[in-house]
All heavy atoms as atom14 arrays in JSON, in Angstrom:
{
  "sequence": "TYENANKIHALAKALPLNSIVLETDAPDMVVASHKGQRNSPEY",
  "atom14_mask": [
    [1, 1, 1, 1, 1, 1, 1, 0, 0, 0, 0, 0, 0, 0],
    [1, 1, 1, 1, 1, 1, 1, 1, 1, 1, 1, 1, 0, 0],
    [1, 1, 1, 1, 1, 1, 1, 1, 1, 0, 0, 0, 0, 0],
    [1, 1, 1, 1, 1, 1, 1, 1, 0, 0, 0, 0, 0, 0],
    [1, 1, 1, 1, 1, 0, 0, 0, 0, 0, 0, 0, 0, 0],
    [1, 1, 1, 1, 1, 1, 1, 1, 0, 0, 0, 0, 0, 0],
    [1, 1, 1, 1, 1, 1, 1, 1, 1, 0, 0, 0, 0, 0],
    [1, 1, 1, 1, 1, 1, 1, 1, 0, 0, 0, 0, 0, 0],
    [1, 1, 1, 1, 1, 1, 1, 1, 1, 1, 0, 0, 0, 0],
    [1, 1, 1, 1, 1, 0, 0, 0, 0, 0, 0, 0, 0, 0],
    [1, 1, 1, 1, 1, 1, 1, 1, 0, 0, 0, 0, 0, 0],
    [1, 1, 1, 1, 1, 0, 0, 0, 0, 0, 0, 0, 0, 0],
    [1, 1, 1, 1, 1, 1, 1, 1, 1, 0, 0, 0, 0, 0],
    [1, 1, 1, 1, 1, 0, 0, 0, 0, 0, 0, 0, 0, 0],
    [1, 1, 1, 1, 1, 1, 1, 1, 0, 0, 0, 0, 0, 0],
    [1, 1, 1, 1, 1, 1, 1, 0, 0, 0, 0, 0, 0, 0],
    [1, 1, 1, 1, 1, 1, 1, 1, 0, 0, 0, 0, 0, 0],
    [1, 1, 1, 1, 1, 1, 1, 1, 0, 0, 0, 0, 0, 0],
    [1, 1, 1, 1, 1, 1, 0, 0, 0, 0, 0, 0, 0, 0],
    [1, 1, 1, 1, 1, 1, 1, 1, 0, 0, 0, 0, 0, 0],
    [1, 1, 1, 1, 1, 1, 1, 0, 0, 0, 0, 0, 0, 0],
    [1, 1, 1, 1, 1, 1, 1, 1, 0, 0, 0, 0, 0, 0],
    [1, 1, 1, 1, 1, 1, 1, 1, 1, 0, 0, 0, 0, 0],
    [1, 1, 1, 1, 1, 1, 1, 0, 0, 0, 0, 0, 0, 0],
    [1, 1, 1, 1, 1, 1, 1, 1, 0, 0, 0, 0, 0, 0],
    [1, 1, 1, 1, 1, 0, 0, 0, 0, 0, 0, 0, 0, 0],
    [1, 1, 1, 1, 1, 1, 1, 0, 0, 0, 0, 0, 0, 0],
    [1, 1, 1, 1, 1, 1, 1, 1, 0, 0, 0, 0, 0, 0],
    [1, 1, 1, 1, 1, 1, 1, 1, 0, 0, 0, 0, 0, 0],
    [1, 1, 1, 1, 1, 1, 1, 0, 0, 0, 0, 0, 0, 0],
    [1, 1, 1, 1, 1, 1, 1, 0, 0, 0, 0, 0, 0, 0],
    [1, 1, 1, 1, 1, 0, 0, 0, 0, 0, 0, 0, 0, 0],
    [1, 1, 1, 1, 1, 1, 0, 0, 0, 0, 0, 0, 0, 0],
    [1, 1, 1, 1, 1, 1, 1, 1, 1, 1, 0, 0, 0, 0],
    [1, 1, 1, 1, 1, 1, 1, 1, 1, 0, 0, 0, 0, 0],
    [1, 1, 1, 1, 0, 0, 0, 0, 0, 0, 0, 0, 0, 0],
    [1, 1, 1, 1, 1, 1, 1, 1, 1, 0, 0, 0, 0, 0],
    [1, 1, 1, 1, 1, 1, 1, 1, 1, 1, 1, 0, 0, 0],
    [1, 1, 1, 1, 1, 1, 1, 1, 0, 0, 0, 0, 0, 0],
    [1, 1, 1, 1, 1, 1, 0, 0, 0, 0, 0, 0, 0, 0],
    [1, 1, 1, 1, 1, 1, 1, 0, 0, 0, 0, 0, 0, 0],
    [1, 1, 1, 1, 1, 1, 1, 1, 1, 0, 0, 0, 0, 0],
    [1, 1, 1, 1, 1, 1, 1, 1, 1, 1, 1, 1, 0, 0]
  ],
  "atom14_positions": [
    [[-19.65, 46.75, 4.63], [-19.3, 47.13, 6.0], [-17.81, 47.4, 6.17], [-17.39, 47.81, 7.25], [-19.72, 46.04, 7.0], [-19.04, 44.82, 6.69], [-21.23, 45.83, 6.97], [0.0, 0.0, 0.0], [0.0, 0.0, 0.0], [0.0, 0.0, 0.0], [0.0, 0.0, 0.0], [0.0, 0.0, 0.0], [0.0, 0.0, 0.0], [0.0, 0.0, 0.0]],
    [[-17.02, 47.18, 5.12], [-15.59, 47.43, 5.21], [-15.28, 48.85, 4.75], [-15.8, 49.31, 3.72], [-14.81, 46.42, 4.36], [-14.82, 45.04, 4.97], [-15.87, 44.16, 4.72], [-13.79, 44.63, 5.81], [-15.9, 42.9, 5.3], [-13.81, 43.37, 6.4], [-14.86, 42.51, 6.13], [-14.88, 41.28, 6.71], [0.0, 0.0, 0.0], [0.0, 0.0, 0.0]],
    [[-14.46, 49.57, 5.51], [-14.15, 50.97, 5.23], [-13.62, 51.19, 3.82], [-13.92, 52.2, 3.19], [-13.12, 51.49, 6.24], [-13.69, 51.75, 7.61], [-12.66, 52.37, 8.53], [-11.84, 53.2, 8.07], [-12.67, 52.01, 9.72], [0.0, 0.0, 0.0], [0.0, 0.0, 0.0], [0.0, 0.0, 0.0], [0.0, 0.0, 0.0], [0.0, 0.0, 0.0]],
    [[-12.8, 50.29, 3.33], [-12.14, 50.48, 2.03], [-12.94, 49.93, 0.85], [-12.42, 49.89, -0.26], [-10.76, 49.84, 2.05], [-9.84, 50.53, 3.03], [-9.97, 51.71, 3.29], [-8.91, 49.78, 3.6], [0.0, 0.0, 0.0], [0.0, 0.0, 0.0], [0.0, 0.0, 0.0], [0.0, 0.0, 0.0], [0.0, 0.0, 0.0], [0.0, 0.0, 0.0]],
    [[-14.19, 49.59, 1.06], [-15.03, 49.05, -0.02], [-15.62, 50.21, -0.83], [-16.84, 50.35, -0.96], [-16.11, 48.15, 0.55], [0.0, 0.0, 0.0], [0.0, 0.0, 0.0], [0.0, 0.0, 0.0], [0.0, 0.0, 0.0], [0.0, 0.0, 0.0], [0.0, 0.0, 0.0], [0.0, 0.0, 0.0], [0.0, 0.0, 0.0], [0.0, 0.0, 0.0]],
    [[-14.75, 51.03, -1.39], [-15.17, 52.27, -2.04], [-16.12, 52.06, -3.22], [-17.05, 52.83, -3.41], [-13.95, 53.07, -2.48], [-13.1, 53.48, -1.3], [-13.62, 53.83, -0.25], [-11.79, 53.41, -1.45], [0.0, 0.0, 0.0], [0.0, 0.0, 0.0], [0.0, 0.0, 0.0], [0.0, 0.0, 0.0], [0.0, 0.0, 0.0], [0.0, 0.0, 0.0]],
    [[-15.87, 51.05, -4.03], [-16.75, 50.8, -5.19], [-18.15, 50.4, -4.72], [-19.14, 50.86, -5.29], [-16.16, 49.72, -6.09], [-14.92, 50.17, -6.83], [-14.38, 49.08, -7.71], [-13.11, 49.54, -8.41], [-12.53, 48.48, -9.24], [0.0, 0.0, 0.0], [0.0, 0.0, 0.0], [0.0, 0.0, 0.0], [0.0, 0.0, 0.0], [0.0, 0.0, 0.0]],
    [[-18.23, 49.57, -3.71], [-19.54, 49.15, -3.18], [-20.24, 50.34, -2.52], [-21.45, 50.52, -2.68], [-19.38, 47.99, -2.17], [-18.86, 46.75, -2.86], [-20.68, 47.71, -1.43], [-19.79, 46.16, -3.9], [0.0, 0.0, 0.0], [0.0, 0.0, 0.0], [0.0, 0.0, 0.0], [0.0, 0.0, 0.0], [0.0, 0.0, 0.0], [0.0, 0.0, 0.0]],
    [[-19.5, 51.16, -1.81], [-20.09, 52.34, -1.18], [-20.67, 53.28, -2.23], [-21.78, 53.79, -2.08], [-19.06, 53.07, -0.32], [-18.61, 52.3, 0.86], [-17.6, 52.74, 1.69], [-19.01, 51.12, 1.38], [-17.4, 51.86, 2.66], [-18.25, 50.86, 2.48], [0.0, 0.0, 0.0], [0.0, 0.0, 0.0], [0.0, 0.0, 0.0], [0.0, 0.0, 0.0]],
    [[-19.9, 53.51, -3.3], [-20.37, 54.39, -4.38], [-21.63, 53.81, -5.03], [-22.58, 54.55, -5.33], [-19.27, 54.6, -5.41], [0.0, 0.0, 0.0], [0.0, 0.0, 0.0], [0.0, 0.0, 0.0], [0.0, 0.0, 0.0], [0.0, 0.0, 0.0], [0.0, 0.0, 0.0], [0.0, 0.0, 0.0], [0.0, 0.0, 0.0], [0.0, 0.0, 0.0]],
    [[-21.63, 52.52, -5.25], [-22.79, 51.87, -5.85], [-24.0, 51.97, -4.92], [-25.12, 52.25, -5.37], [-22.47, 50.4, -6.14], [-23.49, 49.6, -6.9], [-23.74, 50.2, -8.28], [-23.04, 48.16, -7.03], [0.0, 0.0, 0.0], [0.0, 0.0, 0.0], [0.0, 0.0, 0.0], [0.0, 0.0, 0.0], [0.0, 0.0, 0.0], [0.0, 0.0, 0.0]],
    [[-23.8, 51.78, -3.64], [-24.9, 51.86, -2.66], [-25.51, 53.25, -2.62], [-26.7, 53.4, -2.39], [-24.39, 51.47, -1.27], [0.0, 0.0, 0.0], [0.0, 0.0, 0.0], [0.0, 0.0, 0.0], [0.0, 0.0, 0.0], [0.0, 0.0, 0.0], [0.0, 0.0, 0.0], [0.0, 0.0, 0.0], [0.0, 0.0, 0.0], [0.0, 0.0, 0.0]],
    [[-24.7, 54.27, -2.87], [-25.2, 55.64, -2.91], [-25.94, 55.92, -4.22], [-26.93, 56.63, -4.24], [-24.05, 56.63, -2.78], [-23.5, 56.79, -1.42], [-22.38, 57.82, -1.43], [-21.72, 57.92, -0.08], [-20.62, 58.9, -0.07], [0.0, 0.0, 0.0], [0.0, 0.0, 0.0], [0.0, 0.0, 0.0], [0.0, 0.0, 0.0], [0.0, 0.0, 0.0]],
    [[-25.42, 55.36, -5.32], [-25.92, 55.71, -6.64], [-27.2, 54.98, -7.03], [-28.05, 55.53, -7.73], [-24.84, 55.43, -7.69], [0.0, 0.0, 0.0], [0.0, 0.0, 0.0], [0.0, 0.0, 0.0], [0.0, 0.0, 0.0], [0.0, 0.0, 0.0], [0.0, 0.0, 0.0], [0.0, 0.0, 0.0], [0.0, 0.0, 0.0], [0.0, 0.0, 0.0]],
    [[-27.35, 53.73, -6.59], [-28.53, 52.96, -6.97], [-29.8, 53.53, -6.34], [-29.78, 53.95, -5.18], [-28.39, 51.5, -6.52], [-27.46, 50.62, -7.31], [-27.3, 49.27, -6.62], [-27.99, 50.42, -8.72], [0.0, 0.0, 0.0], [0.0, 0.0, 0.0], [0.0, 0.0, 0.0], [0.0, 0.0, 0.0], [0.0, 0.0, 0.0], [0.0, 0.0, 0.0]],
    [[-30.89, 53.51, -7.08], [-32.15, 53.9, -6.44], [-32.52, 52.87, -5.37], [-32.3, 51.68, -5.56], [-33.17, 53.91, -7.58], [-32.49, 53.31, -8.75], [-31.04, 53.17, -8.47], [0.0, 0.0, 0.0], [0.0, 0.0, 0.0], [0.0, 0.0, 0.0], [0.0, 0.0, 0.0], [0.0, 0.0, 0.0], [0.0, 0.0, 0.0], [0.0, 0.0, 0.0]],
    [[-33.04, 53.34, -4.27], [-33.35, 52.44, -3.16], [-34.34, 51.36, -3.57], [-34.27, 50.24, -3.06], [-33.86, 53.22, -1.95], [-34.04, 52.42, -0.67], [-32.75, 51.73, -0.25], [-34.55, 53.32, 0.44], [0.0, 0.0, 0.0], [0.0, 0.0, 0.0], [0.0, 0.0, 0.0], [0.0, 0.0, 0.0], [0.0, 0.0, 0.0], [0.0, 0.0, 0.0]],
    [[-35.21, 51.65, -4.51], [-36.21, 50.65, -4.91], [-35.59, 49.51, -5.73], [-36.29, 48.58, -6.11], [-37.39, 51.28, -5.64], [-37.01, 51.87, -6.98], [-35.85, 51.86, -7.39], [-38.0, 52.41, -7.66], [0.0, 0.0, 0.0], [0.0, 0.0, 0.0], [0.0, 0.0, 0.0], [0.0, 0.0, 0.0], [0.0, 0.0, 0.0], [0.0, 0.0, 0.0]],
    [[-34.29, 49.54, -5.96], [-33.63, 48.44, -6.66], [-32.65, 47.68, -5.76], [-31.85, 46.89, -6.23], [-32.9, 48.96, -7.9], [-31.84, 49.81, -7.53], [0.0, 0.0, 0.0], [0.0, 0.0, 0.0], [0.0, 0.0, 0.0], [0.0, 0.0, 0.0], [0.0, 0.0, 0.0], [0.0, 0.0, 0.0], [0.0, 0.0, 0.0], [0.0, 0.0, 0.0]],
    [[-32.74, 47.91, -4.45], [-31.82, 47.28, -3.5], [-32.57, 46.32, -2.57], [-33.64, 46.65, -2.07], [-31.1, 48.34, -2.65], [-30.24, 49.24, -3.53], [-30.26, 47.69, -1.55], [-29.6, 50.41, -2.79], [0.0, 0.0, 0.0], [0.0, 0.0, 0.0], [0.0, 0.0, 0.0], [0.0, 0.0, 0.0], [0.0, 0.0, 0.0], [0.0, 0.0, 0.0]],
    [[-32.01, 45.14, -2.37], [-32.46, 44.23, -1.32], [-31.25, 43.99, -0.42], [-30.11, 44.09, -0.85], [-33.03, 42.89, -1.84], [-34.28, 43.12, -2.66], [-32.01, 42.13, -2.65], [0.0, 0.0, 0.0], [0.0, 0.0, 0.0], [0.0, 0.0, 0.0], [0.0, 0.0, 0.0], [0.0, 0.0, 0.0], [0.0, 0.0, 0.0], [0.0, 0.0, 0.0]],
    [[-31.5, 43.69, 0.83], [-30.41, 43.45, 1.77], [-30.08, 41.97, 1.82], [-30.97, 41.13, 1.79], [-30.8, 43.93, 3.18], [-31.12, 45.41, 3.32], [-31.43, 45.73, 4.78], [-29.97, 46.28, 2.83], [0.0, 0.0, 0.0], [0.0, 0.0, 0.0], [0.0, 0.0, 0.0], [0.0, 0.0, 0.0], [0.0, 0.0, 0.0], [0.0, 0.0, 0.0]],
    [[-28.79, 41.66, 1.88], [-28.33, 40.29, 2.03], [-26.96, 40.32, 2.68], [-26.36, 41.37, 2.79], [-28.33, 39.57, 0.68], [-27.53, 40.24, -0.4], [-26.1, 39.78, -0.48], [-25.79, 38.71, 0.1], [-25.29, 40.46, -1.08], [0.0, 0.0, 0.0], [0.0, 0.0, 0.0], [0.0, 0.0, 0.0], [0.0, 0.0, 0.0], [0.0, 0.0, 0.0]],
    [[-26.49, 39.16, 3.1], [-25.25, 39.11, 3.87], [-24.1, 38.37, 3.2], [-23.03, 38.27, 3.78], [-25.47, 38.43, 5.23], [-25.88, 37.08, 5.0], [-26.47, 39.17, 6.08], [0.0, 0.0, 0.0], [0.0, 0.0, 0.0], [0.0, 0.0, 0.0], [0.0, 0.0, 0.0], [0.0, 0.0, 0.0], [0.0, 0.0, 0.0], [0.0, 0.0, 0.0]],
    [[-24.29, 37.84, 2.0], [-23.26, 36.99, 1.37], [-22.93, 35.77, 2.22], [-21.85, 35.22, 2.14], [-21.97, 37.75, 1.06], [-22.07, 38.6, -0.18], [-22.9, 38.28, -1.04], [-21.33, 39.58, -0.3], [0.0, 0.0, 0.0], [0.0, 0.0, 0.0], [0.0, 0.0, 0.0], [0.0, 0.0, 0.0], [0.0, 0.0, 0.0], [0.0, 0.0, 0.0]],
    [[-23.85, 35.37, 3.09], [-23.61, 34.23, 3.97], [-23.52, 32.96, 3.13], [-24.28, 32.8, 2.2], [-24.73, 34.1, 5.01], [0.0, 0.0, 0.0], [0.0, 0.0, 0.0], [0.0, 0.0, 0.0], [0.0, 0.0, 0.0], [0.0, 0.0, 0.0], [0.0, 0.0, 0.0], [0.0, 0.0, 0.0], [0.0, 0.0, 0.0], [0.0, 0.0, 0.0]],
    [[-22.62, 32.09, 3.43], [-21.68, 32.09, 4.56], [-20.3, 32.64, 4.2], [-19.39, 32.55, 5.01], [-21.57, 30.61, 4.89], [-21.65, 29.94, 3.56], [-22.63, 30.79, 2.75], [0.0, 0.0, 0.0], [0.0, 0.0, 0.0], [0.0, 0.0, 0.0], [0.0, 0.0, 0.0], [0.0, 0.0, 0.0], [0.0, 0.0, 0.0], [0.0, 0.0, 0.0]],
    [[-20.12, 33.21, 3.01], [-18.78, 33.56, 2.56], [-18.19, 34.84, 3.12], [-17.26, 34.8, 3.91], [-18.75, 33.61, 1.03], [-19.07, 32.26, 0.41], [-18.64, 31.24, 0.96], [-19.77, 32.24, -0.61], [0.0, 0.0, 0.0], [0.0, 0.0, 0.0], [0.0, 0.0, 0.0], [0.0, 0.0, 0.0], [0.0, 0.0, 0.0], [0.0, 0.0, 0.0]],
    [[-18.67, 35.99, 2.71], [-18.05, 37.25, 3.1], [-18.74, 37.84, 4.33], [-19.82, 38.38, 4.25], [-18.09, 38.25, 1.95], [-17.38, 39.54, 2.26], [-17.41, 40.68, 0.89], [-15.92, 40.19, 0.08], [0.0, 0.0, 0.0], [0.0, 0.0, 0.0], [0.0, 0.0, 0.0], [0.0, 0.0, 0.0], [0.0, 0.0, 0.0], [0.0, 0.0, 0.0]],
    [[-18.08, 37.72, 5.44], [-18.64, 38.16, 6.71], [-18.56, 39.68, 6.84], [-17.71, 40.32, 6.21], [-17.9, 37.46, 7.89], [-16.51, 38.0, 8.07], [-18.7, 37.56, 9.16], [0.0, 0.0, 0.0], [0.0, 0.0, 0.0], [0.0, 0.0, 0.0], [0.0, 0.0, 0.0], [0.0, 0.0, 0.0], [0.0, 0.0, 0.0], [0.0, 0.0, 0.0]],
    [[-19.45, 40.25, 7.63], [-19.4, 41.69, 7.89], [-18.13, 42.02, 8.67], [-17.57, 41.18, 9.37], [-20.67, 42.17, 8.65], [-21.91, 42.0, 7.79], [-20.83, 41.47, 9.96], [0.0, 0.0, 0.0], [0.0, 0.0, 0.0], [0.0, 0.0, 0.0], [0.0, 0.0, 0.0], [0.0, 0.0, 0.0], [0.0, 0.0, 0.0], [0.0, 0.0, 0.0]],
    [[-17.69, 43.26, 8.55], [-16.4, 43.68, 9.13], [-16.31, 43.4, 10.63], [-15.26, 42.99, 11.13], [-16.16, 45.15, 8.86], [0.0, 0.0, 0.0], [0.0, 0.0, 0.0], [0.0, 0.0, 0.0], [0.0, 0.0, 0.0], [0.0, 0.0, 0.0], [0.0, 0.0, 0.0], [0.0, 0.0, 0.0], [0.0, 0.0, 0.0], [0.0, 0.0, 0.0]],
    [[-17.39, 43.6, 11.35], [-17.35, 43.43, 12.81], [-17.21, 41.97, 13.25], [-16.97, 41.7, 14.42], [-18.59, 44.04, 13.45], [-19.75, 43.42, 12.97], [0.0, 0.0, 0.0], [0.0, 0.0, 0.0], [0.0, 0.0, 0.0], [0.0, 0.0, 0.0], [0.0, 0.0, 0.0], [0.0, 0.0, 0.0], [0.0, 0.0, 0.0], [0.0, 0.0, 0.0]],
    [[-17.35, 41.03, 12.33], [-17.22, 39.61, 12.66], [-16.15, 38.92, 11.8], [-16.22, 37.72, 11.56], [-18.57, 38.9, 12.5], [-19.58, 39.35, 13.51], [-19.66, 38.81, 14.77], [-20.53, 40.31, 13.46], [-20.62, 39.41, 15.44], [-21.16, 40.33, 14.67], [0.0, 0.0, 0.0], [0.0, 0.0, 0.0], [0.0, 0.0, 0.0], [0.0, 0.0, 0.0]],
    [[-15.19, 39.71, 11.35], [-14.12, 39.19, 10.5], [-13.47, 37.98, 11.16], [-13.21, 37.97, 12.36], [-13.08, 40.28, 10.25], [-12.1, 39.91, 9.18], [-11.22, 41.09, 8.85], [-10.27, 40.69, 7.74], [-9.45, 41.81, 7.31], [0.0, 0.0, 0.0], [0.0, 0.0, 0.0], [0.0, 0.0, 0.0], [0.0, 0.0, 0.0], [0.0, 0.0, 0.0]],
    [[-13.24, 36.94, 10.35], [-12.63, 35.72, 10.86], [-13.63, 34.69, 11.34], [-13.26, 33.58, 11.69], [0.0, 0.0, 0.0], [0.0, 0.0, 0.0], [0.0, 0.0, 0.0], [0.0, 0.0, 0.0], [0.0, 0.0, 0.0], [0.0, 0.0, 0.0], [0.0, 0.0, 0.0], [0.0, 0.0, 0.0], [0.0, 0.0, 0.0], [0.0, 0.0, 0.0]],
    [[-14.92, 35.07, 11.37], [-15.98, 34.16, 11.8], [-16.8, 33.75, 10.58], [-16.7, 34.33, 9.51], [-16.88, 34.84, 12.82], [-16.17, 35.29, 14.07], [-17.1, 36.09, 14.99], [-18.32, 36.02, 14.89], [-16.51, 36.86, 15.88], [0.0, 0.0, 0.0], [0.0, 0.0, 0.0], [0.0, 0.0, 0.0], [0.0, 0.0, 0.0], [0.0, 0.0, 0.0]],
    [[-17.65, 32.78, 10.77], [-18.57, 32.36, 9.72], [-19.68, 33.41, 9.64], [-20.19, 33.9, 10.64], [-19.17, 30.99, 10.06], [-20.11, 30.47, 9.0], [-20.59, 29.07, 9.39], [-21.65, 28.63, 8.53], [-21.49, 27.97, 7.39], [-20.27, 27.66, 6.99], [-22.52, 27.62, 6.66], [0.0, 0.0, 0.0], [0.0, 0.0, 0.0], [0.0, 0.0, 0.0]],
    [[-20.07, 33.75, 8.42], [-21.12, 34.73, 8.23], [-22.48, 34.13, 8.52], [-22.65, 32.91, 8.5], [-21.09, 35.27, 6.8], [-21.78, 36.6, 6.67], [-22.25, 37.16, 7.64], [-21.81, 37.12, 5.47], [0.0, 0.0, 0.0], [0.0, 0.0, 0.0], [0.0, 0.0, 0.0], [0.0, 0.0, 0.0], [0.0, 0.0, 0.0], [0.0, 0.0, 0.0]],
    [[-23.45, 34.97, 8.79], [-24.78, 34.51, 9.14], [-25.8, 35.56, 8.76], [-25.52, 36.77, 8.87], [-24.85, 34.25, 10.65], [-26.19, 34.03, 11.05], [0.0, 0.0, 0.0], [0.0, 0.0, 0.0], [0.0, 0.0, 0.0], [0.0, 0.0, 0.0], [0.0, 0.0, 0.0], [0.0, 0.0, 0.0], [0.0, 0.0, 0.0], [0.0, 0.0, 0.0]],
    [[-27.0, 35.16, 8.36], [-28.07, 36.13, 8.11], [-28.43, 36.97, 9.34], [-29.01, 38.04, 9.21], [-29.25, 35.26, 7.68], [-28.63, 34.03, 7.12], [-27.4, 33.81, 7.97], [0.0, 0.0, 0.0], [0.0, 0.0, 0.0], [0.0, 0.0, 0.0], [0.0, 0.0, 0.0], [0.0, 0.0, 0.0], [0.0, 0.0, 0.0], [0.0, 0.0, 0.0]],
    [[-28.05, 36.52, 10.52], [-28.34, 37.3, 11.72], [-27.6, 38.63, 11.73], [-27.91, 39.52, 12.53], [-28.03, 36.51, 13.0], [-26.56, 36.33, 13.27], [-26.29, 35.45, 14.49], [-26.22, 36.0, 15.6], [-26.16, 34.24, 14.3], [0.0, 0.0, 0.0], [0.0, 0.0, 0.0], [0.0, 0.0, 0.0], [0.0, 0.0, 0.0], [0.0, 0.0, 0.0]],
    [[-26.63, 38.8, 10.84], [-25.88, 40.05, 10.75], [-26.55, 41.05, 9.81], [-26.01, 42.13, 9.56], [-24.44, 39.8, 10.3], [-23.67, 38.85, 11.19], [-22.75, 37.96, 10.67], [-23.88, 38.85, 12.56], [-22.04, 37.1, 11.48], [-23.17, 37.98, 13.39], [-22.26, 37.1, 12.85], [-21.57, 36.25, 13.65], [0.0, 0.0, 0.0], [0.0, 0.0, 0.0]]
  ]
}
């Protein structure tokens, strides 16, 4: 979710969708819109 996460963005484009699951890195790396807060699966 971070604009400058170029390597992750490239990987997200390149991987076949059938090899991707969604996760939030909770509680460590929060999504950009909640920076400074505790991460949660609700994101």
